[in-house]
């Protein structure tokens, strides 16, 4: 890219130690950005202010933001969990609650005028508007503790984490759309990207026999995206090249959505997450490997 738009701009990358986050960090280093990262894993790249942060822990987030500048130009929200190796509460907390908390508690006041925020969601969360009733109660929760209380009340604690993944991505898309309108008076743009499966360390969490189904959602090219192929569109959306773009969910799926619109394949994500019908294909295979799997409808918040 090397547009030098980011030269001397304060950029915050949430989830920078591997995959898309690492690719984004490397691109921003070339751009001459002033880089701060939040991650549980250590980073060894030069010219990067790496700060430890556990997104599952509110106190850890608070401590991390004490070490961040009071003014931030661009935010890249990349960290997330697949839910395969984590429980429902942990998955939803990291993928959605942490971003809601950071945005409403800190970024709301620290983002500079004409700043930009881009969150990574997923193609599995693209029907966020149609199924908003599944998670709207969470949007109304005023505190971290109230949100956790709602999650525990509305969901069986044995619910597999992988079911929280698409729900959290739908919720984050909805949240970003709300923030895009709320922050418009200061010309702070908020967007999301919805990538198809990317060849990152998270891919290793899936079993080899599910790769075919993951590939099927990557569109006409039928291969996994490379991290830099997701990072570059993020840099575009957060740059002044996209100065009149806010509130969009950019699909990065190499024509997969076009194939669905043209009737060449079905859309497996256009369905209520809690229904039995959603528990097919990849979701069902991964869930059956988990302990105490039961074929039953799951209550959604």
C-alpha atoms as a PDB file:
ATOM      1  CA  UNK A   1       0.000   0.000   0.000  1.00  0.00           C
ATOM      2  CA  UNK A   2       2.621   2.550   1.165  1.00  0.00           C
ATOM      3  CA  UNK A   3       0.356   5.577   0.751  1.00  0.00           C
ATOM      4  CA  UNK A   4       1.969   7.198   3.787  1.00  0.00           C
ATOM      5  CA  UNK A   5      -1.472   8.301   4.959  1.00  0.00           C
ATOM      6  CA  UNK A   6      -0.645   6.735   8.322  1.00  0.00           C
ATOM      7  CA  UNK A   7       2.715   8.457   8.761  1.00  0.00           C
ATOM      8  CA  UNK A   8       2.910   9.771  12.331  1.00  0.00           C
ATOM      9  CA  UNK A   9      -0.720   8.754  12.967  1.00  0.00           C
ATOM     10  CA  UNK A  10      -1.471   7.022  16.268  1.00  0.00           C
ATOM     11  CA  UNK A  11      -2.851   3.595  15.424  1.00  0.00           C
ATOM     12  CA  UNK A  12      -4.214   1.049  17.892  1.00  0.00           C
ATOM     13  CA  UNK A  13      -4.295  -2.592  16.825  1.00  0.00           C
ATOM     14  CA  UNK A  14      -6.309  -4.932  19.035  1.00  0.00           C
ATOM     15  CA  UNK A  15      -5.060  -8.463  18.470  1.00  0.00           C
ATOM     16  CA  UNK A  16      -1.757  -7.873  16.702  1.00  0.00           C
ATOM     17  CA  UNK A  17       0.452 -10.852  17.547  1.00  0.00           C
ATOM     18  CA  UNK A  18      -0.570 -13.161  14.699  1.00  0.00           C
ATOM     19  CA  UNK A  19      -2.657 -13.588  11.564  1.00  0.00           C
ATOM     20  CA  UNK A  20      -4.503 -10.551  10.247  1.00  0.00           C
ATOM     21  CA  UNK A  21      -3.368  -8.422  13.177  1.00  0.00           C
ATOM     22  CA  UNK A  22       0.303  -9.163  12.541  1.00  0.00           C
ATOM     23  CA  UNK A  23      -0.112  -8.449   8.811  1.00  0.00           C
ATOM     24  CA  UNK A  24      -1.827  -5.151   9.657  1.00  0.00           C
ATOM     25  CA  UNK A  25       0.955  -4.203  12.060  1.00  0.00           C
ATOM     26  CA  UNK A  26       3.665  -4.872   9.470  1.00  0.00           C
ATOM     27  CA  UNK A  27       1.857  -2.745   6.882  1.00  0.00           C
ATOM     28  CA  UNK A  28       1.499   0.121   9.364  1.00  0.00           C
ATOM     29  CA  UNK A  29       5.189  -0.064  10.224  1.00  0.00           C
ATOM     30  CA  UNK A  30       5.973   0.508   6.534  1.00  0.00           C
ATOM     31  CA  UNK A  31       3.520   3.410   6.553  1.00  0.00           C
ATOM     32  CA  UNK A  32       5.402   5.118   9.365  1.00  0.00           C
ATOM     33  CA  UNK A  33       2.554   4.958  11.887  1.00  0.00           C
ATOM     34  CA  UNK A  34       2.911   5.352  15.649  1.00  0.00           C
ATOM     35  CA  UNK A  35       1.748   1.893  16.652  1.00  0.00           C
ATOM     36  CA  UNK A  36       0.231   0.615  19.878  1.00  0.00           C
ATOM     37  CA  UNK A  37      -0.984  -2.955  20.196  1.00  0.00           C
ATOM     38  CA  UNK A  38      -3.130  -4.838  22.700  1.00  0.00           C
ATOM     39  CA  UNK A  39      -2.623  -8.595  22.951  1.00  0.00           C
ATOM     40  CA  UNK A  40      -2.038 -11.409  25.435  1.00  0.00           C
ATOM     41  CA  UNK A  41       0.904 -12.628  23.366  1.00  0.00           C
ATOM     42  CA  UNK A  42       4.243 -10.858  23.218  1.00  0.00           C
ATOM     43  CA  UNK A  43       5.365  -9.033  20.086  1.00  0.00           C
ATOM     44  CA  UNK A  44       8.949  -8.542  18.952  1.00  0.00           C
ATOM     45  CA  UNK A  45       8.510  -6.162  16.026  1.00  0.00           C
ATOM     46  CA  UNK A  46      10.491  -2.905  16.069  1.00  0.00           C
ATOM     47  CA  UNK A  47       8.782   0.457  16.587  1.00  0.00           C
ATOM     48  CA  UNK A  48       5.732  -1.159  18.179  1.00  0.00           C
ATOM     49  CA  UNK A  49       4.436  -0.253  21.638  1.00  0.00           C
ATOM     50  CA  UNK A  50       3.114  -3.636  22.701  1.00  0.00           C
ATOM     51  CA  UNK A  51       0.799  -3.665  25.722  1.00  0.00           C
ATOM     52  CA  UNK A  52      -0.455  -6.769  27.468  1.00  0.00           C
ATOM     53  CA  UNK A  53      -4.244  -7.046  27.528  1.00  0.00           C
ATOM     54  CA  UNK A  54      -6.642  -9.886  28.311  1.00  0.00           C
ATOM     55  CA  UNK A  55      -9.899  -8.977  26.549  1.00  0.00           C
ATOM     56  CA  UNK A  56     -11.842 -11.351  28.792  1.00  0.00           C
ATOM     57  CA  UNK A  57     -10.937  -9.237  31.821  1.00  0.00           C
ATOM     58  CA  UNK A  58     -12.347  -5.722  32.283  1.00  0.00           C
ATOM     59  CA  UNK A  59      -9.597  -4.751  34.733  1.00  0.00           C
ATOM     60  CA  UNK A  60      -6.948  -5.812  32.232  1.00  0.00           C
ATOM     61  CA  UNK A  61      -8.557  -3.583  29.597  1.00  0.00           C
ATOM     62  CA  UNK A  62      -8.630  -0.675  32.057  1.00  0.00           C
ATOM     63  CA  UNK A  63      -4.948  -1.168  32.865  1.00  0.00           C
ATOM     64  CA  UNK A  64      -4.054  -1.317  29.182  1.00  0.00           C
ATOM     65  CA  UNK A  65      -5.827   1.937  28.356  1.00  0.00           C
ATOM     66  CA  UNK A  66      -3.911   3.695  31.120  1.00  0.00           C
ATOM     67  CA  UNK A  67      -0.844   3.078  28.971  1.00  0.00           C
ATOM     68  CA  UNK A  68      -2.364   4.340  25.737  1.00  0.00           C
ATOM     69  CA  UNK A  69      -2.304   7.904  24.351  1.00  0.00           C
ATOM     70  CA  UNK A  70      -5.212  10.202  25.096  1.00  0.00           C
ATOM     71  CA  UNK A  71      -5.709  10.784  21.379  1.00  0.00           C
ATOM     72  CA  UNK A  72      -5.960   8.011  18.779  1.00  0.00           C
ATOM     73  CA  UNK A  73      -6.298   8.384  15.010  1.00  0.00           C
ATOM     74  CA  UNK A  74      -7.234   4.868  13.883  1.00  0.00           C
ATOM     75  CA  UNK A  75      -8.340   1.656  15.556  1.00  0.00           C
ATOM     76  CA  UNK A  76      -8.101  -1.817  14.052  1.00  0.00           C
ATOM     77  CA  UNK A  77     -10.216  -4.281  16.075  1.00  0.00           C
ATOM     78  CA  UNK A  78      -8.998  -7.708  15.007  1.00  0.00           C
ATOM     79  CA  UNK A  79      -8.803 -10.009  18.053  1.00  0.00           C
ATOM     80  CA  UNK A  80     -11.382 -12.776  18.260  1.00  0.00           C
ATOM     81  CA  UNK A  81     -12.038 -16.375  19.281  1.00  0.00           C
ATOM     82  CA  UNK A  82     -13.539 -19.151  17.155  1.00  0.00           C
ATOM     83  CA  UNK A  83     -15.290 -20.684  20.162  1.00  0.00           C
ATOM     84  CA  UNK A  84     -13.964 -24.144  19.417  1.00  0.00           C
ATOM     85  CA  UNK A  85     -11.561 -24.156  22.352  1.00  0.00           C
ATOM     86  CA  UNK A  86     -13.363 -21.625  24.552  1.00  0.00           C
ATOM     87  CA  UNK A  87     -16.734 -21.627  26.284  1.00  0.00           C
ATOM     88  CA  UNK A  88     -19.756 -19.558  25.296  1.00  0.00           C
ATOM     89  CA  UNK A  89     -19.232 -16.784  27.835  1.00  0.00           C
ATOM     90  CA  UNK A  90     -15.541 -16.347  27.054  1.00  0.00           C
ATOM     91  CA  UNK A  91     -16.124 -16.336  23.297  1.00  0.00           C
ATOM     92  CA  UNK A  92     -18.901 -13.746  23.414  1.00  0.00           C
ATOM     93  CA  UNK A  93     -16.998 -11.594  25.917  1.00  0.00           C
ATOM     94  CA  UNK A  94     -13.842 -11.388  23.801  1.00  0.00           C
ATOM     95  CA  UNK A  95     -15.593 -11.101  20.433  1.00  0.00           C
ATOM     96  CA  UNK A  96     -18.199  -8.524  21.386  1.00  0.00           C
ATOM     97  CA  UNK A  97     -18.350  -7.291  24.977  1.00  0.00           C
ATOM     98  CA  UNK A  98     -14.690  -6.228  25.072  1.00  0.00           C
ATOM     99  CA  UNK A  99     -15.155  -4.080  21.960  1.00  0.00           C
ATOM    100  CA  UNK A 100     -18.379  -2.562  23.227  1.00  0.00           C
ATOM    101  CA  UNK A 101     -16.675  -1.720  26.526  1.00  0.00           C
ATOM    102  CA  UNK A 102     -13.514  -0.279  24.963  1.00  0.00           C
ATOM    103  CA  UNK A 103     -15.498   1.804  22.501  1.00  0.00           C
ATOM    104  CA  UNK A 104     -18.059   3.220  24.930  1.00  0.00           C
ATOM    105  CA  UNK A 105     -15.644   3.677  27.830  1.00  0.00           C
ATOM    106  CA  UNK A 106     -12.495   4.922  26.109  1.00  0.00           C
ATOM    107  CA  UNK A 107     -12.607   5.339  22.348  1.00  0.00           C
ATOM    108  CA  UNK A 108     -15.699   7.524  22.536  1.00  0.00           C
ATOM    109  CA  UNK A 109     -13.559  10.318  23.995  1.00  0.00           C
ATOM    110  CA  UNK A 110     -10.067   9.422  22.773  1.00  0.00           C
ATOM    111  CA  UNK A 111     -10.741   9.190  19.035  1.00  0.00           C
ATOM    112  CA  UNK A 112      -9.517  12.298  17.247  1.00  0.00           C
ATOM    113  CA  UNK A 113     -11.813  14.231  14.944  1.00  0.00           C
ATOM    114  CA  UNK A 114     -11.677  12.696  11.453  1.00  0.00           C
ATOM    115  CA  UNK A 115     -10.544   9.433  13.048  1.00  0.00           C
ATOM    116  CA  UNK A 116     -11.548   5.928  11.993  1.00  0.00           C
ATOM    117  CA  UNK A 117     -12.428   2.558  13.493  1.00  0.00           C
ATOM    118  CA  UNK A 118     -12.619  -0.775  11.702  1.00  0.00           C
ATOM    119  CA  UNK A 119     -13.693  -4.011  13.390  1.00  0.00           C
ATOM    120  CA  UNK A 120     -13.199  -7.493  11.964  1.00  0.00           C
ATOM    121  CA  UNK A 121     -16.406  -9.505  12.124  1.00  0.00           C
ATOM    122  CA  UNK A 122     -17.201 -12.439   9.800  1.00  0.00           C
ATOM    123  CA  UNK A 123     -19.361 -13.535   6.898  1.00  0.00           C
ATOM    124  CA  UNK A 124     -21.174 -15.664   9.478  1.00  0.00           C
ATOM    125  CA  UNK A 125     -22.458 -12.429  11.030  1.00  0.00           C
ATOM    126  CA  UNK A 126     -23.658 -10.731   7.855  1.00  0.00           C
ATOM    127  CA  UNK A 127     -27.392 -11.084   8.641  1.00  0.00           C
ATOM    128  CA  UNK A 128     -27.057  -8.888  11.720  1.00  0.00           C
ATOM    129  CA  UNK A 129     -30.007  -6.612  10.888  1.00  0.00           C
ATOM    130  CA  UNK A 130     -32.451  -9.395  10.080  1.00  0.00           C
ATOM    131  CA  UNK A 131     -31.791 -11.283  13.319  1.00  0.00           C
ATOM    132  CA  UNK A 132     -31.157  -8.342  15.647  1.00  0.00           C
ATOM    133  CA  UNK A 133     -33.754  -9.593  18.136  1.00  0.00           C
ATOM    134  CA  UNK A 134     -31.319 -12.383  19.051  1.00  0.00           C
ATOM    135  CA  UNK A 135     -28.954 -10.006  20.822  1.00  0.00           C
ATOM    136  CA  UNK A 136     -30.722  -6.659  21.330  1.00  0.00           C
ATOM    137  CA  UNK A 137     -30.963  -7.155  25.087  1.00  0.00           C
ATOM    138  CA  UNK A 138     -27.176  -7.002  25.227  1.00  0.00           C
ATOM    139  CA  UNK A 139     -27.124  -3.623  23.469  1.00  0.00           C
ATOM    140  CA  UNK A 140     -29.210  -2.122  26.263  1.00  0.00           C
ATOM    141  CA  UNK A 141     -26.940  -3.367  29.050  1.00  0.00           C
ATOM    142  CA  UNK A 142     -25.201  -0.333  30.537  1.00  0.00           C
ATOM    143  CA  UNK A 143     -22.298  -2.060  32.266  1.00  0.00           C
ATOM    144  CA  UNK A 144     -19.896  -4.952  31.766  1.00  0.00           C
ATOM    145  CA  UNK A 145     -21.366  -6.703  34.813  1.00  0.00           C
ATOM    146  CA  UNK A 146     -24.948  -6.334  33.588  1.00  0.00           C
ATOM    147  CA  UNK A 147     -23.984  -7.792  30.238  1.00  0.00           C
ATOM    148  CA  UNK A 148     -22.371 -10.826  31.872  1.00  0.00           C
ATOM    149  CA  UNK A 149     -25.472 -11.257  34.013  1.00  0.00           C
ATOM    150  CA  UNK A 150     -27.705 -11.308  30.930  1.00  0.00           C
ATOM    151  CA  UNK A 151     -25.434 -13.795  29.191  1.00  0.00           C
ATOM    152  CA  UNK A 152     -25.492 -16.158  32.158  1.00  0.00           C
ATOM    153  CA  UNK A 153     -29.247 -15.824  32.606  1.00  0.00           C
ATOM    154  CA  UNK A 154     -30.224 -16.369  28.990  1.00  0.00           C
ATOM    155  CA  UNK A 155     -27.787 -19.098  28.016  1.00  0.00           C
ATOM    156  CA  UNK A 156     -27.027 -22.517  29.370  1.00  0.00           C
ATOM    157  CA  UNK A 157     -23.405 -22.457  30.504  1.00  0.00           C
ATOM    158  CA  UNK A 158     -22.883 -25.736  28.648  1.00  0.00           C
ATOM    159  CA  UNK A 159     -23.731 -24.074  25.336  1.00  0.00           C
ATOM    160  CA  UNK A 160     -20.662 -24.589  23.093  1.00  0.00           C
ATOM    161  CA  UNK A 161     -18.536 -21.559  22.384  1.00  0.00           C
ATOM    162  CA  UNK A 162     -18.754 -22.045  18.637  1.00  0.00           C
ATOM    163  CA  UNK A 163     -22.431 -21.035  18.780  1.00  0.00           C
ATOM    164  CA  UNK A 164     -21.425 -17.722  20.377  1.00  0.00           C
ATOM    165  CA  UNK A 165     -19.131 -16.949  17.436  1.00  0.00           C
ATOM    166  CA  UNK A 166     -21.712 -15.993  14.769  1.00  0.00           C
ATOM    167  CA  UNK A 167     -23.933 -14.342  17.376  1.00  0.00           C
ATOM    168  CA  UNK A 168     -21.069 -12.152  18.606  1.00  0.00           C
ATOM    169  CA  UNK A 169     -20.216 -11.179  15.038  1.00  0.00           C
ATOM    170  CA  UNK A 170     -23.813 -10.192  14.304  1.00  0.00           C
ATOM    171  CA  UNK A 171     -23.870  -8.111  17.469  1.00  0.00           C
ATOM    172  CA  UNK A 172     -20.597  -6.359  16.599  1.00  0.00           C
ATOM    173  CA  UNK A 173     -21.894  -5.423  13.136  1.00  0.00           C
ATOM    174  CA  UNK A 174     -25.012  -3.928  14.719  1.00  0.00           C
ATOM    175  CA  UNK A 175     -22.955  -2.076  17.315  1.00  0.00           C
ATOM    176  CA  UNK A 176     -20.611  -0.639  14.681  1.00  0.00           C
ATOM    177  CA  UNK A 177     -23.558   0.644  12.666  1.00  0.00           C
ATOM    178  CA  UNK A 178     -24.890   2.441  15.750  1.00  0.00           C
ATOM    179  CA  UNK A 179     -21.494   3.993  16.475  1.00  0.00           C
ATOM    180  CA  UNK A 180     -21.137   5.156  12.863  1.00  0.00           C
ATOM    181  CA  UNK A 181     -24.236   7.298  13.330  1.00  0.00           C
ATOM    182  CA  UNK A 182     -23.352   8.396  16.853  1.00  0.00           C
ATOM    183  CA  UNK A 183     -19.831   9.548  15.962  1.00  0.00           C
ATOM    184  CA  UNK A 184     -20.711  11.236  12.666  1.00  0.00           C
ATOM    185  CA  UNK A 185     -20.892  14.685  14.252  1.00  0.00           C
ATOM    186  CA  UNK A 186     -17.117  14.476  14.849  1.00  0.00           C
ATOM    187  CA  UNK A 187     -16.471  12.812  11.481  1.00  0.00           C
ATOM    188  CA  UNK A 188     -15.253   9.622  13.125  1.00  0.00           C
ATOM    189  CA  UNK A 189     -15.947   6.796  10.725  1.00  0.00           C
ATOM    190  CA  UNK A 190     -16.840   3.291  11.932  1.00  0.00           C
ATOM    191  CA  UNK A 191     -16.901   0.276   9.624  1.00  0.00           C
ATOM    192  CA  UNK A 192     -16.558  -3.492   9.759  1.00  0.00           C
ATOM    193  CA  UNK A 193     -15.101  -6.047   7.409  1.00  0.00           C
ATOM    194  CA  UNK A 194     -16.594  -9.506   6.982  1.00  0.00           C
ATOM    195  CA  UNK A 195     -13.848 -11.815   5.756  1.00  0.00           C
ATOM    196  CA  UNK A 196     -14.292 -15.368   4.596  1.00  0.00           C
ATOM    197  CA  UNK A 197     -12.001 -17.953   6.173  1.00  0.00           C
ATOM    198  CA  UNK A 198      -8.425 -16.700   6.340  1.00  0.00           C
ATOM    199  CA  UNK A 199      -5.258 -18.772   6.620  1.00  0.00           C
ATOM    200  CA  UNK A 200      -4.369 -17.751  10.172  1.00  0.00           C
ATOM    201  CA  UNK A 201      -3.445 -19.681  13.341  1.00  0.00           C
ATOM    202  CA  UNK A 202      -7.180 -19.797  14.181  1.00  0.00           C
ATOM    203  CA  UNK A 203      -7.636 -22.146  11.230  1.00  0.00           C
ATOM    204  CA  UNK A 204      -5.584 -24.733  13.086  1.00  0.00           C
ATOM    205  CA  UNK A 205      -8.361 -25.013  15.675  1.00  0.00           C
ATOM    206  CA  UNK A 206     -10.641 -26.646  13.128  1.00  0.00           C
ATOM    207  CA  UNK A 207     -10.395 -30.326  12.297  1.00  0.00           C
ATOM    208  CA  UNK A 208      -8.966 -31.203   8.908  1.00  0.00           C
ATOM    209  CA  UNK A 209     -12.214 -32.848   7.774  1.00  0.00           C
ATOM    210  CA  UNK A 210     -14.049 -29.524   8.023  1.00  0.00           C
ATOM    211  CA  UNK A 211     -11.717 -27.663   5.664  1.00  0.00           C
ATOM    212  CA  UNK A 212     -13.903 -28.514   2.669  1.00  0.00           C
ATOM    213  CA  UNK A 213     -16.853 -26.713   4.216  1.00  0.00           C
ATOM    214  CA  UNK A 214     -14.702 -23.727   5.140  1.00  0.00           C
ATOM    215  CA  UNK A 215     -13.360 -23.564   1.577  1.00  0.00           C
ATOM    216  CA  UNK A 216     -16.926 -23.641   0.241  1.00  0.00           C
ATOM    217  CA  UNK A 217     -17.550 -20.238   1.832  1.00  0.00           C
ATOM    218  CA  UNK A 218     -14.572 -18.572   0.157  1.00  0.00           C
ATOM    219  CA  UNK A 219     -16.312 -17.798  -3.121  1.00  0.00           C
ATOM    220  CA  UNK A 220     -15.248 -18.343  -6.699  1.00  0.00           C
ATOM    221  CA  UNK A 221     -11.510 -18.675  -6.035  1.00  0.00           C
ATOM    222  CA  UNK A 222     -11.891 -21.634  -3.634  1.00  0.00           C
ATOM    223  CA  UNK A 223      -8.914 -20.953  -1.397  1.00  0.00           C
ATOM    224  CA  UNK A 224      -8.393 -19.388   2.002  1.00  0.00           C
ATOM    225  CA  UNK A 225      -7.570 -15.691   2.117  1.00  0.00           C
ATOM    226  CA  UNK A 226      -4.060 -14.647   3.071  1.00  0.00           C
ATOM    227  CA  UNK A 227      -3.791 -12.357   6.128  1.00  0.00           C
ATOM    228  CA  UNK A 228      -2.497  -9.421   4.089  1.00  0.00           C
ATOM    229  CA  UNK A 229      -5.507  -9.740   1.754  1.00  0.00           C
ATOM    230  CA  UNK A 230      -7.719  -8.885   4.722  1.00  0.00           C
ATOM    231  CA  UNK A 231      -5.353  -6.350   6.284  1.00  0.00           C
ATOM    232  CA  UNK A 232      -5.093  -4.165   3.172  1.00  0.00           C
ATOM    233  CA  UNK A 233      -8.856  -3.485   2.888  1.00  0.00           C
ATOM    234  CA  UNK A 234      -8.812  -2.523   6.580  1.00  0.00           C
ATOM    235  CA  UNK A 235      -6.072   0.007   5.927  1.00  0.00           C
ATOM    236  CA  UNK A 236      -8.112   1.362   3.029  1.00  0.00           C
ATOM    237  CA  UNK A 237     -11.269   1.777   5.122  1.00  0.00           C
ATOM    238  CA  UNK A 238      -9.392   3.531   7.904  1.00  0.00           C
ATOM    239  CA  UNK A 239      -7.539   5.864   5.514  1.00  0.00           C
ATOM    240  CA  UNK A 240      -8.644   9.126   3.941  1.00  0.00           C
ATOM    241  CA  UNK A 241      -9.133   7.248   0.666  1.00  0.00           C
ATOM    242  CA  UNK A 242     -12.396   6.104   2.282  1.00  0.00           C
ATOM    243  CA  UNK A 243     -13.237   9.457   3.861  1.00  0.00           C
ATOM    244  CA  UNK A 244     -16.939   9.245   2.889  1.00  0.00           C
ATOM    245  CA  UNK A 245     -17.397   5.597   3.852  1.00  0.00           C
ATOM    246  CA  UNK A 246     -18.917   4.888   7.257  1.00  0.00           C
ATOM    247  CA  UNK A 247     -21.366   2.338   8.591  1.00  0.00           C
ATOM    248  CA  UNK A 248     -20.634  -0.355   6.008  1.00  0.00           C
ATOM    249  CA  UNK A 249     -19.921  -4.059   6.413  1.00  0.00           C
ATOM    250  CA  UNK A 250     -17.411  -4.861   3.694  1.00  0.00           C
ATOM    251  CA  UNK A 251     -17.527  -8.507   2.616  1.00  0.00           C
ATOM    252  CA  UNK A 252     -14.142  -9.923   1.645  1.00  0.00           C
ATOM    253  CA  UNK A 253     -15.097 -13.299   0.216  1.00  0.00           C
ATOM    254  CA  UNK A 254     -13.955 -13.355  -3.422  1.00  0.00           C
ATOM    255  CA  UNK A 255     -17.425 -13.415  -4.925  1.00  0.00           C
ATOM    256  CA  UNK A 256     -19.119 -15.744  -2.437  1.00  0.00           C
ATOM    257  CA  UNK A 257     -21.950 -13.267  -1.849  1.00  0.00           C
ATOM    258  CA  UNK A 258     -22.327 -12.810  -5.604  1.00  0.00           C
ATOM    259  CA  UNK A 259     -22.732 -16.573  -6.009  1.00  0.00           C
ATOM    260  CA  UNK A 260     -25.462 -16.544  -3.353  1.00  0.00           C
ATOM    261  CA  UNK A 261     -27.273 -13.611  -4.969  1.00  0.00           C
ATOM    262  CA  UNK A 262     -27.125 -15.330  -8.367  1.00  0.00           C
ATOM    263  CA  UNK A 263     -28.619 -18.500  -6.915  1.00  0.00           C
ATOM    264  CA  UNK A 264     -25.518 -20.598  -7.488  1.00  0.00           C
ATOM    265  CA  UNK A 265     -25.275 -21.658  -3.847  1.00  0.00           C
ATOM    266  CA  UNK A 266     -27.304 -21.447  -0.677  1.00  0.00           C
ATOM    267  CA  UNK A 267     -26.629 -19.063   2.182  1.00  0.00           C
ATOM    268  CA  UNK A 268     -25.998 -21.177   5.312  1.00  0.00           C
ATOM    269  CA  UNK A 269     -25.996 -18.141   7.613  1.00  0.00           C
ATOM    270  CA  UNK A 270     -29.441 -16.726   6.783  1.00  0.00           C
ATOM    271  CA  UNK A 271     -31.114 -18.432   9.706  1.00  0.00           C
ATOM    272  CA  UNK A 272     -31.744 -18.031  13.412  1.00  0.00           C
ATOM    273  CA  UNK A 273     -28.600 -19.079  15.260  1.00  0.00           C
ATOM    274  CA  UNK A 274     -30.462 -20.882  18.019  1.00  0.00           C
ATOM    275  CA  UNK A 275     -32.427 -23.199  15.717  1.00  0.00           C
ATOM    276  CA  UNK A 276     -31.592 -26.818  15.044  1.00  0.00           C
ATOM    277  CA  UNK A 277     -31.293 -25.976  11.363  1.00  0.00           C
ATOM    278  CA  UNK A 278     -28.319 -23.764  12.100  1.00  0.00           C
ATOM    279  CA  UNK A 279     -26.566 -26.722  13.682  1.00  0.00           C
ATOM    280  CA  UNK A 280     -25.577 -28.279  10.365  1.00  0.00           C
ATOM    281  CA  UNK A 281     -22.377 -28.699   8.440  1.00  0.00           C
ATOM    282  CA  UNK A 282     -19.357 -27.130  10.075  1.00  0.00           C
ATOM    283  CA  UNK A 283     -21.155 -26.031  13.251  1.00  0.00           C
ATOM    284  CA  UNK A 284     -22.654 -29.469  13.812  1.00  0.00           C
ATOM    285  CA  UNK A 285     -19.422 -31.343  13.173  1.00  0.00           C
ATOM    286  CA  UNK A 286     -17.447 -29.174  15.530  1.00  0.00           C
ATOM    287  CA  UNK A 287     -20.125 -29.291  18.217  1.00  0.00           C
ATOM    288  CA  UNK A 288     -20.359 -33.088  18.120  1.00  0.00           C
ATOM    289  CA  UNK A 289     -16.721 -33.262  19.091  1.00  0.00           C
ATOM    290  CA  UNK A 290     -17.470 -31.384  22.280  1.00  0.00           C
ATOM    291  CA  UNK A 291     -18.527 -32.986  25.524  1.00  0.00           C
ATOM    292  CA  UNK A 292     -22.219 -33.362  26.402  1.00  0.00           C
ATOM    293  CA  UNK A 293     -23.447 -32.422  22.918  1.00  0.00           C
ATOM    294  CA  UNK A 294     -27.242 -32.494  22.635  1.00  0.00           C
ATOM    295  CA  UNK A 295     -29.544 -31.867  19.670  1.00  0.00           C
ATOM    296  CA  UNK A 296     -31.732 -29.142  21.113  1.00  0.00           C
ATOM    297  CA  UNK A 297     -32.687 -25.570  20.340  1.00  0.00           C
ATOM    298  CA  UNK A 298     -30.499 -23.046  22.101  1.00  0.00           C
ATOM    299  CA  UNK A 299     -31.966 -19.937  23.686  1.00  0.00           C
ATOM    300  CA  UNK A 300     -30.451 -16.777  22.287  1.00  0.00           C
ATOM    301  CA  UNK A 301     -30.210 -13.495  24.181  1.00  0.00           C
END
